Amino acid sequence: MKKSLVAFVVAFASIAVAQAPATPQSPSQPAPGQAAPQKKEIKDPAEYNAYVGAVQQSDPNAKISGLEAFLTQYPNSVMKVDALEVLMGAYQQTNNSAKMMDTAQRILTADPNNLRALALTAYSKRAAAEANQNPQQNLAEGAQAAQKGLEALKTAPKPEGVSDADFEKQKAQMGNIFHGVAGIAALQNKDYANAQQHLRAAVETEPNDLRNVYPLALSYLTATPVDGSNGLFFIARAANLAAGSAGQTQIQSYGLSQYKKFHGSDQGWTELLATTKTTPVPPAGFSITQYVPPTPAQQAAELVKTKSPKDMSFAEWELVLSAGAPEDAEKVWSAIKGNPLQMEGQVMSVSPTEIQIAASQDDIDAKRADIVLTMTAAIPAKLMPKEGGTLDFEGTPTSYTPSPFVMNMEEGTLLTKAPAKAPARKPPVRKKP
């Protein structure tokens, strides 16, 4: 658990500790939509002295002892929640995380919308999940606390003695915790829209927190459809924030691969890294051009421009004959029709007079025949090819159907590869007597 954020939460819990509860101050006017804070006052002098004596202890262990005694003796005190908040901070000072979390739950039992306890619970549950401690349950519980916290922030009253500016800053920091936890949980559940909403809010509040910037990038890059412009911006930003850490290389490699996949090349990636080093969020109008692959017809047209039919592979013939313009298909077909071809393919089915063969890798993977070879003569039983085996053959193209593509070949014959020559053996060296 990172101490800085937890320390903030518990520090917020002790803002009013120095103020004596029996010394009322003029309440500030609540903001629109906020409930007016209720003035708390201990009327019993003994209870008052027990509370003040406990919270004013400078030693954390003495403070814990005093507050636990106060809560035992006065379980229904008007200052119960305040005492628990200070107790939570004292346990944090002694690095007793178990007691700190237990105290947070005691606070939430008494005050279900308590911001300090909700923030600490949400943050701690996320930290436990990230440490692979029962991650699914901890994330779910953290998300519940985060959602309650976000709702509670909307109407939270300003504590006495806190300026408007400080209160807004404190709410923003707590909102950052709540949005981060809610966003991580949504990403884990593949709820990309909510993950983007919450994580973006967290990043805009604290743009240098890699723990939110990196998952925000993932929420854009793994969604359907992919939001490449936002996702690539934030993955580049994450690579910069990870500088010097063990994860930098992994994050940067992933970002580059996603950039090339989306953009079509690595052109501009270095510039994006430079931009995101000093720019925390995408500027207005920022976008990355998405690569649109050429259509099969466009690929076929380019192929005919750059290769002669005799230099093409069978898969390239198939592409032009099935997807090319009529004039391009005619150019290729005229070059191969009626000419004996020696080829290799995988046997899909076989009979003595006909073999169905897959010759392109796509059709081999799909287990679909793209050649029907009619034999010159019946195949002898001892030479009959096996289905699924590789076959060398010769045949003469006579016709084809473009979709699904099948080439008909006649005058089929089986070819036998020359056996590999055994390595020459040197004569044995005769030993001298």
Protein backbone atom coordinates (compact mmCIF):
# COMPACT_ATOMS: atom_id res chain seq x y z
CA MET A 1 0.00 0.00 0.00
CA LYS A 2 1.38 3.42 -0.87
CA LYS A 3 1.63 5.40 2.34
CA SER A 4 1.13 8.83 0.76
CA LEU A 5 -2.49 8.37 -0.27
CA VAL A 6 -3.43 6.52 2.87
CA ALA A 7 -1.76 9.23 4.92
CA PHE A 8 -3.86 11.83 3.11
CA VAL A 9 -7.06 10.00 3.97
CA VAL A 10 -6.28 9.67 7.64
CA ALA A 11 -4.90 13.21 7.82
CA PHE A 12 -8.23 14.45 6.51
CA ALA A 13 -9.86 12.48 9.32
CA SER A 14 -8.03 14.48 11.98
CA ILE A 15 -8.69 18.01 10.72
CA ALA A 16 -10.93 18.97 13.63
CA VAL A 17 -9.01 17.13 16.35
CA ALA A 18 -7.50 20.26 17.85
CA GLN A 19 -10.90 21.89 18.24
CA ALA A 20 -12.57 21.27 21.58
CA PRO A 21 -16.06 19.84 20.95
CA ALA A 22 -17.62 21.98 23.67
CA THR A 23 -16.31 25.18 22.10
CA PRO A 24 -18.76 26.00 19.31
CA GLN A 25 -17.71 28.12 16.33
CA SER A 26 -19.82 29.99 13.82
CA PRO A 27 -20.84 27.47 11.16
CA SER A 28 -20.05 28.37 7.54
CA GLN A 29 -22.87 28.48 5.05
CA PRO A 30 -23.27 25.17 3.16
CA ALA A 31 -22.90 25.13 -0.59
CA PRO A 32 -26.06 24.60 -2.67
CA GLY A 33 -27.15 20.98 -2.45
CA GLN A 34 -25.08 20.33 0.68
CA ALA A 35 -26.53 19.52 4.05
CA ALA A 36 -25.71 21.97 6.81
CA PRO A 37 -23.24 20.40 9.26
CA GLN A 38 -24.71 19.69 12.68
CA LYS A 39 -22.89 21.19 15.63
CA LYS A 40 -21.59 18.52 18.00
CA GLU A 41 -21.22 19.24 21.70
CA ILE A 42 -20.39 17.01 24.66
CA LYS A 43 -22.40 18.13 27.67
CA ASP A 44 -21.05 15.64 30.22
CA PRO A 45 -17.77 17.06 31.62
CA ALA A 46 -16.36 13.58 32.33
CA GLU A 47 -17.06 12.46 28.78
CA TYR A 48 -15.60 15.71 27.45
CA ASN A 49 -12.40 15.31 29.43
CA ALA A 50 -12.03 11.67 28.36
CA TYR A 51 -12.39 12.61 24.69
CA VAL A 52 -10.07 15.64 24.75
CA GLY A 53 -7.52 13.78 26.82
CA ALA A 54 -7.43 10.96 24.26
CA VAL A 55 -7.27 12.97 21.05
CA GLN A 56 -4.62 15.34 22.37
CA GLN A 57 -2.16 12.55 23.12
CA SER A 58 0.99 13.01 21.04
CA ASP A 59 2.07 9.38 21.26
CA PRO A 60 0.02 7.24 18.78
CA ASN A 61 -0.13 4.25 21.12
CA ALA A 62 -1.34 6.41 24.00
CA LYS A 63 -3.92 7.95 21.69
CA ILE A 64 -5.13 4.51 20.65
CA SER A 65 -5.44 3.39 24.26
CA GLY A 66 -7.31 6.52 25.25
CA LEU A 67 -9.71 6.45 22.31
CA GLU A 68 -10.51 2.74 22.68
CA ALA A 69 -11.27 3.37 26.36
CA PHE A 70 -13.43 6.37 25.48
CA LEU A 71 -15.41 4.38 22.90
CA THR A 72 -15.94 1.55 25.36
CA GLN A 73 -17.12 3.84 28.11
CA TYR A 74 -19.20 6.11 25.87
CA PRO A 75 -20.41 3.91 22.97
CA ASN A 76 -23.22 6.33 22.09
CA SER A 77 -21.25 9.55 22.34
CA VAL A 78 -22.06 12.32 19.91
CA MET A 79 -18.33 12.26 19.10
CA LYS A 80 -18.23 8.53 18.35
CA VAL A 81 -17.52 8.89 14.63
CA ASP A 82 -14.98 11.66 15.22
CA ALA A 83 -13.20 9.48 17.78
CA LEU A 84 -13.15 6.56 15.37
CA GLU A 85 -11.70 8.75 12.62
CA VAL A 86 -8.87 9.87 14.87
CA LEU A 87 -8.39 6.26 16.00
CA MET A 88 -8.10 5.17 12.36
CA GLY A 89 -5.33 7.73 11.90
CA ALA A 90 -3.52 6.57 15.01
CA TYR A 91 -3.55 2.96 13.84
CA GLN A 92 -2.13 4.14 10.52
CA GLN A 93 0.68 5.95 12.35
CA THR A 94 1.63 2.66 14.02
CA ASN A 95 1.49 0.79 10.68
CA ASN A 96 -1.28 -1.47 11.99
CA SER A 97 -3.19 -1.84 8.71
CA ALA A 98 -5.48 -4.59 10.03
CA LYS A 99 -6.71 -2.43 12.91
CA MET A 100 -6.89 0.59 10.61
CA MET A 101 -9.23 -1.27 8.24
CA ASP A 102 -11.22 -2.68 11.15
CA THR A 103 -11.72 0.86 12.45
CA ALA A 104 -12.82 2.01 8.98
CA GLN A 105 -15.54 -0.65 9.06
CA ARG A 106 -16.60 0.49 12.53
CA ILE A 107 -16.95 4.01 11.16
CA LEU A 108 -19.06 2.81 8.22
CA THR A 109 -21.32 0.87 10.57
CA ALA A 110 -22.05 4.09 12.43
CA ASP A 111 -21.92 6.39 9.38
CA PRO A 112 -22.35 4.51 6.05
CA ASN A 113 -21.53 7.63 3.99
CA ASN A 114 -18.37 8.58 5.85
CA LEU A 115 -15.96 9.84 3.17
CA ARG A 116 -12.74 9.13 5.05
CA ALA A 117 -13.61 5.51 5.77
CA LEU A 118 -14.98 4.93 2.27
CA ALA A 119 -11.82 6.36 0.67
CA LEU A 120 -9.54 4.29 2.85
CA THR A 121 -11.58 1.14 2.22
CA ALA A 122 -11.68 1.65 -1.55
CA TYR A 123 -7.98 2.39 -1.77
CA SER A 124 -6.94 -0.49 0.50
CA LYS A 125 -9.11 -3.00 -1.35
CA ARG A 126 -7.56 -1.94 -4.66
CA ALA A 127 -4.06 -2.25 -3.21
CA ALA A 128 -4.83 -5.75 -1.96
CA ALA A 129 -6.21 -6.77 -5.35
CA GLU A 130 -3.12 -5.39 -7.11
CA ALA A 131 -1.01 -7.47 -4.72
CA ASN A 132 -2.97 -10.51 -5.96
CA GLN A 133 -4.71 -10.98 -2.63
CA ASN A 134 -8.13 -12.40 -3.51
CA PRO A 135 -8.29 -9.86 -6.38
CA GLN A 136 -11.86 -10.43 -7.56
CA GLN A 137 -13.46 -10.07 -4.14
CA ASN A 138 -11.26 -7.14 -3.10
CA LEU A 139 -11.95 -5.27 -6.35
CA ALA A 140 -15.68 -5.86 -6.00
CA GLU A 141 -15.68 -4.61 -2.40
CA GLY A 142 -13.46 -1.69 -3.33
CA ALA A 143 -15.80 -0.73 -6.15
CA GLN A 144 -18.79 -0.79 -3.79
CA ALA A 145 -17.01 1.59 -1.43
CA ALA A 146 -15.96 3.78 -4.37
CA GLN A 147 -19.50 4.09 -5.73
CA LYS A 148 -20.82 4.99 -2.28
CA GLY A 149 -18.05 7.53 -1.94
CA LEU A 150 -18.83 9.18 -5.26
CA GLU A 151 -22.47 9.51 -4.24
CA ALA A 152 -21.55 10.83 -0.80
CA LEU A 153 -19.24 13.46 -2.32
CA LYS A 154 -22.20 15.10 -4.06
CA THR A 155 -23.79 16.23 -0.79
CA ALA A 156 -20.87 16.13 1.65
CA PRO A 157 -21.01 19.03 4.17
CA LYS A 158 -17.89 21.08 4.67
CA PRO A 159 -16.25 20.42 8.06
CA GLU A 160 -15.91 23.28 10.49
CA GLY A 161 -12.67 25.20 10.26
CA VAL A 162 -11.92 24.11 6.68
CA SER A 163 -11.76 26.74 3.95
CA ASP A 164 -13.78 26.33 0.78
CA ALA A 165 -10.60 25.95 -1.28
CA ASP A 166 -9.20 23.26 1.00
CA PHE A 167 -12.49 21.40 1.05
CA GLU A 168 -12.69 21.37 -2.74
CA LYS A 169 -9.11 20.12 -2.91
CA GLN A 170 -9.88 17.37 -0.42
CA LYS A 171 -12.98 16.31 -2.35
CA ALA A 172 -10.97 16.21 -5.57
CA GLN A 173 -8.35 13.98 -3.97
CA MET A 174 -10.97 11.62 -2.61
CA GLY A 175 -12.78 11.64 -5.94
CA ASN A 176 -9.50 10.61 -7.54
CA ILE A 177 -9.35 7.56 -5.26
CA PHE A 178 -12.99 6.65 -5.86
CA HIS A 179 -12.83 7.08 -9.64
CA GLY A 180 -9.60 5.08 -9.85
CA VAL A 181 -11.00 2.10 -7.95
CA ALA A 182 -14.34 2.17 -9.78
CA GLY A 183 -12.49 2.37 -13.10
CA ILE A 184 -10.16 -0.55 -12.37
CA ALA A 185 -13.11 -2.70 -11.30
CA ALA A 186 -15.04 -1.80 -14.46
CA LEU A 187 -12.02 -2.63 -16.62
CA GLN A 188 -11.68 -5.98 -14.88
CA ASN A 189 -15.34 -6.66 -15.75
CA LYS A 190 -14.79 -5.52 -19.37
CA ASP A 191 -17.21 -2.64 -18.82
CA TYR A 192 -15.11 -0.39 -21.01
CA ALA A 193 -17.45 2.60 -21.11
CA ASN A 194 -17.51 2.96 -17.31
CA ALA A 195 -13.81 2.16 -17.06
CA GLN A 196 -13.04 5.00 -19.47
CA GLN A 197 -15.35 7.42 -17.65
CA HIS A 198 -13.95 6.78 -14.17
CA LEU A 199 -10.29 6.39 -15.08
CA ARG A 200 -10.35 9.49 -17.27
CA ALA A 201 -11.79 11.47 -14.34
CA ALA A 202 -9.03 10.13 -12.08
CA VAL A 203 -6.30 10.95 -14.61
CA GLU A 204 -7.59 14.46 -15.19
CA THR A 205 -7.38 15.02 -11.43
CA GLU A 206 -3.93 13.44 -11.05
CA PRO A 207 -2.29 13.11 -14.52
CA ASN A 208 1.00 11.66 -13.24
CA ASP A 209 -0.40 8.55 -11.56
CA LEU A 210 0.76 5.59 -13.66
CA ARG A 211 -1.62 3.30 -11.73
CA ASN A 212 -4.53 5.05 -13.44
CA VAL A 213 -2.93 6.21 -16.71
CA TYR A 214 -1.93 2.72 -17.83
CA PRO A 215 -5.31 1.06 -17.21
CA LEU A 216 -7.00 4.05 -18.86
CA ALA A 217 -4.95 3.31 -21.99
CA LEU A 218 -6.03 -0.34 -21.82
CA SER A 219 -9.68 0.64 -21.46
CA TYR A 220 -9.45 2.41 -24.84
CA LEU A 221 -7.22 -0.12 -26.62
CA THR A 222 -9.09 -3.29 -25.59
CA ALA A 223 -12.60 -1.94 -26.13
CA THR A 224 -14.72 -2.77 -29.15
CA PRO A 225 -14.40 -0.69 -31.21
CA VAL A 226 -10.89 0.42 -30.28
CA ASP A 227 -10.45 4.12 -29.50
CA GLY A 228 -6.98 4.33 -31.01
CA SER A 229 -6.39 8.05 -30.64
CA ASN A 230 -7.07 8.15 -26.88
CA GLY A 231 -5.64 4.71 -26.20
CA LEU A 232 -2.34 5.36 -28.00
CA PHE A 233 -1.97 8.78 -26.41
CA PHE A 234 -2.31 7.37 -22.90
CA ILE A 235 -0.16 4.28 -23.54
CA ALA A 236 2.61 6.62 -24.73
CA ARG A 237 2.00 8.76 -21.65
CA ALA A 238 2.25 5.63 -19.48
CA ALA A 239 5.57 4.69 -21.12
CA ASN A 240 6.92 8.10 -20.13
CA LEU A 241 5.62 7.85 -16.57
CA ALA A 242 7.19 4.39 -16.24
CA ALA A 243 10.65 5.72 -17.19
CA GLY A 244 13.33 4.03 -15.13
CA SER A 245 11.04 1.30 -13.84
CA ALA A 246 11.10 -2.40 -14.68
CA GLY A 247 7.84 -2.07 -16.62
CA GLN A 248 8.89 0.69 -19.01
CA THR A 249 10.18 -1.63 -21.76
CA GLN A 250 7.06 -3.80 -21.63
CA ILE A 251 4.69 -0.83 -21.73
CA GLN A 252 6.60 0.85 -24.56
CA SER A 253 6.79 -2.37 -26.62
CA TYR A 254 3.06 -2.93 -26.20
CA GLY A 255 2.35 0.67 -27.13
CA LEU A 256 4.48 0.47 -30.28
CA SER A 257 2.81 -2.76 -31.39
CA GLN A 258 -0.64 -1.25 -30.89
CA TYR A 259 0.43 1.93 -32.70
CA LYS A 260 1.63 0.00 -35.75
CA LYS A 261 -1.50 -2.13 -35.72
CA PHE A 262 -3.76 0.93 -35.64
CA HIS A 263 -1.75 3.34 -37.78
CA GLY A 264 -0.20 0.83 -40.19
CA SER A 265 3.43 1.77 -39.47
CA ASP A 266 5.62 3.15 -36.69
CA GLN A 267 5.79 6.56 -38.33
CA GLY A 268 4.91 9.18 -35.72
CA TRP A 269 5.42 6.96 -32.65
CA THR A 270 8.61 8.71 -31.56
CA GLU A 271 6.91 12.09 -31.90
CA LEU A 272 3.95 10.84 -29.84
CA LEU A 273 6.31 9.76 -27.05
CA ALA A 274 7.87 13.22 -27.09
CA THR A 275 4.47 14.94 -26.97
CA THR A 276 3.11 12.85 -24.10
CA LYS A 277 6.21 13.44 -22.01
CA THR A 278 5.01 16.97 -21.23
CA THR A 279 1.33 16.85 -22.24
CA PRO A 280 -0.85 14.95 -19.72
CA VAL A 281 -4.09 14.67 -21.75
CA PRO A 282 -4.83 14.79 -25.49
CA PRO A 283 -5.01 18.37 -26.74
CA ALA A 284 -8.11 19.59 -28.57
CA GLY A 285 -8.36 18.08 -32.04
CA PHE A 286 -5.79 15.36 -31.34
CA SER A 287 -6.19 12.23 -33.47
CA ILE A 288 -4.15 9.41 -34.99
CA THR A 289 -4.96 8.23 -38.49
CA GLN A 290 -6.26 4.68 -38.54
CA TYR A 291 -4.77 2.31 -41.08
CA VAL A 292 -7.35 0.89 -43.46
CA PRO A 293 -6.06 -2.26 -45.20
CA PRO A 294 -6.55 -2.48 -48.96
CA THR A 295 -9.49 -4.51 -50.20
CA PRO A 296 -8.82 -7.83 -51.96
CA ALA A 297 -9.62 -6.10 -55.27
CA GLN A 298 -7.05 -3.39 -54.54
CA GLN A 299 -4.47 -6.00 -53.53
CA ALA A 300 -5.13 -7.92 -56.74
CA ALA A 301 -4.73 -4.79 -58.87
CA GLU A 302 -1.44 -3.92 -57.19
CA LEU A 303 -0.22 -7.48 -57.58
CA VAL A 304 -0.83 -7.50 -61.34
CA LYS A 305 1.06 -4.20 -61.62
CA THR A 306 4.12 -5.47 -59.81
CA LYS A 307 4.36 -9.17 -60.79
CA SER A 308 4.03 -11.18 -63.96
CA PRO A 309 1.69 -14.20 -63.71
CA LYS A 310 4.57 -16.66 -64.09
CA ASP A 311 6.23 -15.19 -60.97
CA MET A 312 3.10 -15.42 -58.82
CA SER A 313 2.35 -18.14 -56.30
CA PHE A 314 -0.82 -20.22 -56.46
CA ALA A 315 -2.29 -18.10 -53.61
CA GLU A 316 -1.64 -14.97 -55.66
CA TRP A 317 -3.30 -16.51 -58.74
CA GLU A 318 -6.25 -17.32 -56.51
CA LEU A 319 -6.44 -13.73 -55.24
CA VAL A 320 -6.47 -12.22 -58.74
CA LEU A 321 -8.84 -14.80 -60.24
CA SER A 322 -11.31 -14.54 -57.33
CA ALA A 323 -11.18 -10.82 -56.45
CA GLY A 324 -9.44 -8.99 -59.30
CA ALA A 325 -10.95 -6.86 -62.04
CA PRO A 326 -12.07 -8.87 -65.11
CA GLU A 327 -9.14 -7.62 -67.20
CA ASP A 328 -6.63 -8.57 -64.48
CA ALA A 329 -8.17 -12.01 -64.03
CA GLU A 330 -8.09 -12.57 -67.78
CA LYS A 331 -4.40 -11.60 -67.92
CA VAL A 332 -3.49 -14.19 -65.29
CA TRP A 333 -5.77 -16.92 -66.61
CA SER A 334 -4.45 -16.56 -70.15
CA ALA A 335 -0.94 -17.07 -68.85
CA ILE A 336 -1.63 -20.34 -66.97
CA LYS A 337 -4.56 -21.98 -68.78
CA GLY A 338 -3.53 -25.09 -70.73
CA ASN A 339 0.03 -25.05 -69.39
CA PRO A 340 1.19 -28.03 -67.32
CA LEU A 341 2.06 -26.93 -63.78
CA GLN A 342 4.04 -28.76 -61.12
CA MET A 343 2.77 -27.95 -57.64
CA GLU A 344 2.49 -29.09 -54.05
CA GLY A 345 -0.62 -29.23 -51.88
CA GLN A 346 -2.44 -31.07 -49.12
CA VAL A 347 -4.85 -33.89 -49.97
CA MET A 348 -8.41 -33.17 -48.86
CA SER A 349 -10.06 -36.22 -50.49
CA VAL A 350 -8.91 -38.84 -52.99
CA SER A 351 -10.28 -41.46 -55.39
CA PRO A 352 -8.45 -43.48 -58.06
CA THR A 353 -9.31 -40.89 -60.74
CA GLU A 354 -9.67 -37.59 -58.85
CA ILE A 355 -7.89 -35.79 -56.02
CA GLN A 356 -9.17 -32.71 -54.24
CA ILE A 357 -6.26 -30.59 -53.03
CA ALA A 358 -5.72 -27.44 -50.93
CA ALA A 359 -2.77 -25.51 -52.38
CA SER A 360 -2.93 -22.08 -50.68
CA GLN A 361 -2.08 -21.76 -46.99
CA ASP A 362 -5.45 -20.16 -46.19
CA ASP A 363 -7.31 -23.08 -47.71
CA ILE A 364 -4.99 -25.59 -46.04
CA ASP A 365 -5.79 -23.96 -42.70
CA ALA A 366 -9.51 -23.98 -43.55
CA LYS A 367 -9.27 -27.59 -44.78
CA ARG A 368 -10.95 -26.57 -48.04
CA ALA A 369 -10.03 -27.86 -51.49
CA ASP A 370 -9.11 -25.20 -54.06
CA ILE A 371 -7.93 -27.63 -56.81
CA VAL A 372 -9.77 -30.57 -58.36
CA LEU A 373 -7.20 -32.72 -60.15
CA THR A 374 -8.47 -35.27 -62.69
CA MET A 375 -5.89 -38.01 -63.20
CA THR A 376 -4.60 -39.18 -66.56
CA ALA A 377 -5.04 -42.76 -65.38
CA ALA A 378 -6.34 -44.50 -62.30
CA ILE A 379 -3.94 -44.35 -59.38
CA PRO A 380 -2.58 -47.77 -58.35
CA ALA A 381 -3.61 -48.83 -54.87
CA LYS A 382 -0.01 -48.90 -53.63
CA LEU A 383 0.51 -45.27 -54.73
CA MET A 384 -2.82 -43.95 -53.43
CA PRO A 385 -2.18 -40.70 -51.46
CA LYS A 386 -3.48 -40.38 -47.91
CA GLU A 387 -5.94 -37.69 -46.92
CA GLY A 388 -4.18 -34.95 -45.02
CA GLY A 389 -0.83 -35.81 -46.55
CA THR A 390 1.35 -33.55 -48.69
CA LEU A 391 1.28 -34.27 -52.40
CA ASP A 392 3.56 -33.29 -55.30
CA PHE A 393 1.68 -33.37 -58.59
CA GLU A 394 1.43 -32.06 -62.11
CA GLY A 395 -1.75 -30.90 -63.81
CA THR A 396 -3.04 -28.64 -66.57
CA PRO A 397 -5.52 -25.87 -65.63
CA THR A 398 -8.70 -26.05 -67.71
CA SER A 399 -11.28 -23.91 -65.85
CA TYR A 400 -12.02 -22.24 -62.53
CA THR A 401 -14.88 -20.82 -60.46
CA PRO A 402 -14.07 -17.53 -58.70
CA SER A 403 -16.24 -17.87 -55.56
CA PRO A 404 -15.60 -20.06 -53.73
CA PHE A 405 -12.41 -20.41 -55.70
CA VAL A 406 -11.72 -23.80 -57.25
CA MET A 407 -9.33 -24.52 -60.13
CA ASN A 408 -10.02 -27.57 -62.27
CA MET A 409 -6.93 -29.35 -63.58
CA GLU A 410 -6.66 -32.33 -65.93
CA GLU A 411 -3.94 -34.69 -67.09
CA GLY A 412 -2.98 -35.17 -63.49
CA THR A 413 0.08 -37.20 -62.56
CA LEU A 414 1.82 -37.86 -59.26
CA LEU A 415 5.36 -36.66 -58.83
CA THR A 416 7.96 -38.39 -56.73
CA LYS A 417 10.63 -36.40 -55.02
CA ALA A 418 14.13 -37.64 -55.60
CA PRO A 419 15.40 -39.38 -52.49
CA ALA A 420 17.96 -37.49 -50.53
CA LYS A 421 21.46 -38.71 -51.21
CA ALA A 422 23.22 -40.38 -48.32
CA PRO A 423 26.38 -38.58 -47.29
CA ALA A 424 29.50 -40.05 -48.82
CA ARG A 425 31.42 -42.19 -46.43
CA LYS A 426 35.14 -41.89 -46.12
CA PRO A 427 37.05 -45.20 -46.31
CA PRO A 428 38.22 -46.41 -42.94
CA VAL A 429 41.73 -45.38 -42.03
CA ARG A 430 44.00 -48.36 -41.77
CA LYS A 431 46.15 -48.36 -38.72
CA LYS A 432 49.84 -48.93 -39.17
CA PRO A 433 51.05 -52.18 -37.72
